Amino acid sequence: MPNISHNLAQIRARIHGIAKKHNINPYNTRLLAVSKTQPASALIEAYNAQQRDFGENYAQELEQKARALAHLDIIWHFIGPIQSNKTRVIAEYSHWVHSIDRCKIAERLNKQRPSHLPPLQVCIQVNIDDESSKSGIAPTELDALIACIRALPNLNLRGLMAIPSKSNPAKAFDALQALAQQHHLHTLSMGMSGDIEEAIAAGSTIVRVGTAIFGPRAPQHHTGANHGEQ
């Protein structure tokens, strides 16, 4: 069994060390524990080690965990591809959504966000390397989607998210940062276990880490190349 508390301490120390190396405030980078396929008991162990932000890829799993752990002040992030028929669950149980890639999805999330909850904090997923296997919009389509989201009262556009190619992540991160600055966006959801240093050096404010915290994932039936964390 993985020692989740120890692993979290190691990751936090790594983030701090990388930030110090690049003269960046380590508190500017938020650690998102990617908990997809992990049991609720693993999330509780991480929570007891002061972890509050958890990322899920599948709407049904998000709902199950959010219900089971409703007594904890967990901040739920949805980071996977969004199907139209799953938006209601995501709108009801998420605090953050990182993977909006079309106006239709944004409009459904806005409409289905319960009135008693604050606006959803959202990021637009950009296919920064134009990879056919990954979700996200092309950078040239960003203006239109930003305008769409900013017109929706139940969504608060915070920034951009990307899953770069493994060949040159630093180039992709720099490109995403430039897009964020161009549009006056301050959140950059980028960086995973294998490219966390390049991401933090480029200004990432949220890094998504899964297996380095929780250990190998249990086999599961979901498929797809766009999973938010390696």
Protein backbone atom coordinates (compact mmCIF):
# COMPACT_ATOMS: atom_id res chain seq x y z
CA MET A 1 0.00 0.00 0.00
CA PRO A 2 1.34 3.48 -0.84
CA ASN A 3 2.15 5.87 1.98
CA ILE A 4 -0.02 8.72 0.75
CA SER A 5 0.99 11.14 3.49
CA HIS A 6 4.67 10.54 2.75
CA ASN A 7 4.11 10.87 -1.00
CA LEU A 8 2.29 14.18 -0.55
CA ALA A 9 5.14 15.51 1.56
CA GLN A 10 7.60 14.49 -1.15
CA ILE A 11 5.59 16.17 -3.91
CA ARG A 12 5.16 19.36 -1.89
CA ALA A 13 8.88 19.45 -1.18
CA ARG A 14 9.57 18.95 -4.88
CA ILE A 15 7.25 21.81 -5.84
CA HIS A 16 8.94 24.04 -3.27
CA GLY A 17 12.39 23.11 -4.54
CA ILE A 18 11.49 23.71 -8.18
CA ALA A 19 9.93 27.07 -7.37
CA LYS A 20 12.98 28.14 -5.37
CA LYS A 21 15.27 27.09 -8.22
CA HIS A 22 13.35 29.31 -10.64
CA ASN A 23 12.83 32.22 -8.21
CA ILE A 24 9.09 31.61 -8.04
CA ASN A 25 6.89 31.85 -4.97
CA PRO A 26 6.09 28.19 -4.14
CA TYR A 27 2.69 29.22 -2.80
CA ASN A 28 1.71 30.32 -6.32
CA THR A 29 1.44 26.65 -7.35
CA ARG A 30 -1.56 24.63 -6.17
CA LEU A 31 -1.27 20.85 -5.93
CA LEU A 32 -4.25 19.04 -7.41
CA ALA A 33 -4.38 15.38 -6.36
CA VAL A 34 -5.76 13.40 -9.30
CA SER A 35 -7.87 10.79 -7.54
CA LYS A 36 -9.65 9.05 -10.42
CA THR A 37 -10.21 5.31 -9.79
CA GLN A 38 -8.90 5.66 -6.24
CA PRO A 39 -11.14 4.53 -3.36
CA ALA A 40 -12.65 7.05 -0.96
CA SER A 41 -10.35 5.73 1.77
CA ALA A 42 -7.32 6.94 -0.19
CA LEU A 43 -8.83 10.41 -0.51
CA ILE A 44 -9.50 10.48 3.23
CA GLU A 45 -5.87 9.60 3.91
CA ALA A 46 -4.75 12.45 1.64
CA TYR A 47 -7.27 14.79 3.25
CA ASN A 48 -5.86 13.93 6.67
CA ALA A 49 -2.46 14.96 5.28
CA GLN A 50 -3.90 18.44 4.56
CA GLN A 51 -4.75 17.87 0.88
CA ARG A 52 -7.96 19.67 -0.12
CA ASP A 53 -8.00 19.80 -3.94
CA PHE A 54 -8.94 16.57 -5.74
CA GLY A 55 -9.36 15.97 -9.48
CA GLU A 56 -11.78 13.54 -11.07
CA ASN A 57 -12.15 12.54 -14.73
CA TYR A 58 -15.50 10.76 -14.78
CA ALA A 59 -18.83 12.33 -13.83
CA GLN A 60 -20.31 9.26 -12.16
CA GLU A 61 -17.20 8.73 -10.03
CA LEU A 62 -17.19 12.41 -9.08
CA GLU A 63 -20.79 12.19 -7.90
CA GLN A 64 -20.19 9.03 -5.90
CA LYS A 65 -17.16 10.42 -4.10
CA ALA A 66 -18.65 13.87 -3.53
CA ARG A 67 -21.69 12.26 -1.91
CA ALA A 68 -19.64 9.86 0.18
CA LEU A 69 -17.26 12.58 1.38
CA ALA A 70 -19.75 15.43 1.67
CA HIS A 71 -18.80 15.92 5.32
CA LEU A 72 -15.28 17.01 4.30
CA ASP A 73 -14.41 20.44 2.91
CA ILE A 74 -12.96 19.00 -0.29
CA ILE A 75 -12.60 21.17 -3.40
CA TRP A 76 -13.62 19.05 -6.37
CA HIS A 77 -12.03 19.67 -9.78
CA PHE A 78 -13.38 18.03 -12.92
CA ILE A 79 -10.49 17.53 -15.37
CA GLY A 80 -11.72 14.98 -17.92
CA PRO A 81 -13.51 15.24 -21.26
CA ILE A 82 -17.08 16.47 -20.85
CA GLN A 83 -20.00 14.73 -22.52
CA SER A 84 -23.20 16.72 -22.97
CA ASN A 85 -25.27 14.18 -21.03
CA LYS A 86 -22.94 14.47 -18.01
CA THR A 87 -22.95 18.24 -17.54
CA ARG A 88 -25.66 18.28 -14.86
CA VAL A 89 -23.66 16.06 -12.51
CA ILE A 90 -20.50 18.09 -13.14
CA ALA A 91 -22.36 21.37 -12.57
CA GLU A 92 -23.83 20.12 -9.31
CA TYR A 93 -20.76 18.54 -7.70
CA SER A 94 -17.70 20.41 -8.99
CA HIS A 95 -16.10 23.56 -7.66
CA TRP A 96 -13.75 23.79 -10.64
CA VAL A 97 -13.98 22.53 -14.23
CA HIS A 98 -10.71 22.53 -16.19
CA SER A 99 -11.75 20.98 -19.48
CA ILE A 100 -14.30 23.21 -21.24
CA ASP A 101 -13.66 23.08 -24.97
CA ARG A 102 -16.86 24.31 -26.59
CA CYS A 103 -19.58 26.86 -25.99
CA LYS A 104 -22.37 24.28 -25.87
CA ILE A 105 -20.79 22.63 -22.83
CA ALA A 106 -20.26 25.99 -21.12
CA GLU A 107 -23.88 26.94 -21.69
CA ARG A 108 -25.13 23.65 -20.25
CA LEU A 109 -22.93 23.97 -17.17
CA ASN A 110 -24.17 27.53 -16.68
CA LYS A 111 -27.82 26.51 -17.00
CA GLN A 112 -27.47 23.48 -14.73
CA ARG A 113 -25.42 25.08 -11.96
CA PRO A 114 -27.67 25.04 -8.85
CA SER A 115 -28.81 28.54 -7.91
CA HIS A 116 -27.71 28.16 -4.28
CA LEU A 117 -24.09 27.50 -5.26
CA PRO A 118 -21.49 30.10 -6.26
CA PRO A 119 -20.35 30.30 -9.88
CA LEU A 120 -18.25 27.44 -11.19
CA GLN A 121 -14.56 28.27 -11.49
CA VAL A 122 -13.62 27.19 -15.01
CA CYS A 123 -10.68 26.82 -17.36
CA ILE A 124 -10.65 26.35 -21.11
CA GLN A 125 -8.74 23.33 -22.37
CA VAL A 126 -6.45 24.25 -25.24
CA ASN A 127 -5.04 21.64 -27.61
CA ILE A 128 -1.76 23.49 -27.59
CA ASP A 129 0.13 20.98 -29.77
CA ASP A 130 -2.75 20.22 -32.17
CA GLU A 131 -2.77 16.52 -31.30
CA SER A 132 -5.71 14.59 -32.74
CA SER A 133 -5.81 12.25 -29.73
CA LYS A 134 -6.50 15.04 -27.26
CA SER A 135 -9.46 17.24 -26.48
CA GLY A 136 -9.27 21.01 -26.41
CA ILE A 137 -9.75 23.90 -28.76
CA ALA A 138 -7.22 25.31 -31.18
CA PRO A 139 -5.60 28.55 -30.02
CA THR A 140 -7.25 30.32 -32.96
CA GLU A 141 -10.68 29.45 -31.51
CA LEU A 142 -9.93 30.84 -28.07
CA ASP A 143 -11.36 34.33 -28.53
CA ALA A 144 -14.85 33.07 -29.34
CA LEU A 145 -14.99 30.62 -26.44
CA ILE A 146 -13.74 33.23 -23.97
CA ALA A 147 -16.49 35.61 -25.11
CA CYS A 148 -19.06 32.82 -24.72
CA ILE A 149 -18.02 31.95 -21.17
CA ARG A 150 -17.69 35.54 -19.99
CA ALA A 151 -21.32 36.12 -20.92
CA LEU A 152 -22.51 33.30 -18.62
CA PRO A 153 -23.29 34.45 -15.06
CA ASN A 154 -22.85 31.06 -13.37
CA LEU A 155 -19.33 30.52 -14.70
CA ASN A 156 -16.21 32.39 -13.65
CA LEU A 157 -13.46 32.06 -16.26
CA ARG A 158 -10.16 31.66 -14.43
CA GLY A 159 -7.67 30.44 -17.01
CA LEU A 160 -6.39 27.79 -19.39
CA MET A 161 -5.55 24.10 -19.18
CA ALA A 162 -3.42 21.93 -21.45
CA ILE A 163 -1.95 18.46 -21.71
CA PRO A 164 1.19 18.91 -23.83
CA SER A 165 2.93 16.42 -26.03
CA LYS A 166 5.81 14.61 -24.35
CA SER A 167 8.28 15.72 -27.01
CA ASN A 168 8.57 19.37 -25.93
CA PRO A 169 6.38 20.25 -22.95
CA ALA A 170 8.33 23.41 -22.10
CA LYS A 171 7.51 24.94 -25.48
CA ALA A 172 3.83 24.10 -25.03
CA PHE A 173 3.75 25.56 -21.52
CA ASP A 174 5.35 28.79 -22.70
CA ALA A 175 2.79 29.03 -25.49
CA LEU A 176 -0.08 28.50 -23.06
CA GLN A 177 1.29 31.13 -20.70
CA ALA A 178 1.51 33.61 -23.58
CA LEU A 179 -2.13 32.94 -24.48
CA ALA A 180 -3.20 33.43 -20.86
CA GLN A 181 -1.35 36.75 -20.62
CA GLN A 182 -2.84 37.90 -23.91
CA HIS A 183 -6.35 37.34 -22.53
CA HIS A 184 -5.63 38.56 -18.97
CA LEU A 185 -6.18 35.13 -17.42
CA HIS A 186 -4.28 34.21 -14.28
CA THR A 187 -4.78 30.46 -13.81
CA LEU A 188 -2.65 27.95 -15.69
CA SER A 189 -3.61 24.31 -15.11
CA MET A 190 -0.58 22.56 -16.55
CA GLY A 191 2.02 20.10 -15.44
CA MET A 192 1.89 16.48 -14.32
CA SER A 193 4.33 14.11 -12.65
CA GLY A 194 6.64 13.87 -15.65
CA ASP A 195 6.84 17.55 -16.62
CA ILE A 196 6.17 19.36 -13.36
CA GLU A 197 9.42 21.34 -13.42
CA GLU A 198 8.86 22.71 -16.92
CA ALA A 199 5.31 23.64 -15.96
CA ILE A 200 6.22 25.50 -12.77
CA ALA A 201 9.07 27.29 -14.54
CA ALA A 202 6.56 28.49 -17.14
CA GLY A 203 4.17 29.83 -14.51
CA SER A 204 1.79 26.97 -13.74
CA THR A 205 -0.61 27.76 -10.91
CA ILE A 206 -2.16 24.25 -10.69
CA VAL A 207 -0.21 21.03 -11.19
CA ARG A 208 -2.10 17.74 -11.55
CA VAL A 209 -0.44 14.76 -9.86
CA GLY A 210 -1.97 11.31 -9.44
CA THR A 211 0.13 8.15 -9.32
CA ALA A 212 3.02 9.85 -7.49
CA ILE A 213 0.58 10.45 -4.63
CA PHE A 214 -1.72 7.43 -4.70
CA GLY A 215 0.38 4.79 -6.43
CA PRO A 216 -0.68 2.78 -9.50
CA ARG A 217 -4.34 2.99 -10.40
CA ALA A 218 -6.62 -0.01 -10.26
CA PRO A 219 -7.68 -1.38 -13.67
CA GLN A 220 -10.87 0.29 -14.86
CA HIS A 221 -13.08 0.22 -17.90
CA HIS A 222 -12.88 3.85 -18.99
CA THR A 223 -10.98 4.59 -22.17
CA GLY A 224 -9.69 7.72 -23.86
CA ALA A 225 -6.41 9.52 -24.32
CA ASN A 226 -7.32 12.74 -22.56
CA HIS A 227 -7.08 11.96 -18.87
CA GLY A 228 -5.68 15.11 -17.31
CA GLU A 229 -2.74 13.35 -15.61
CA GLN A 230 -0.33 10.71 -16.84
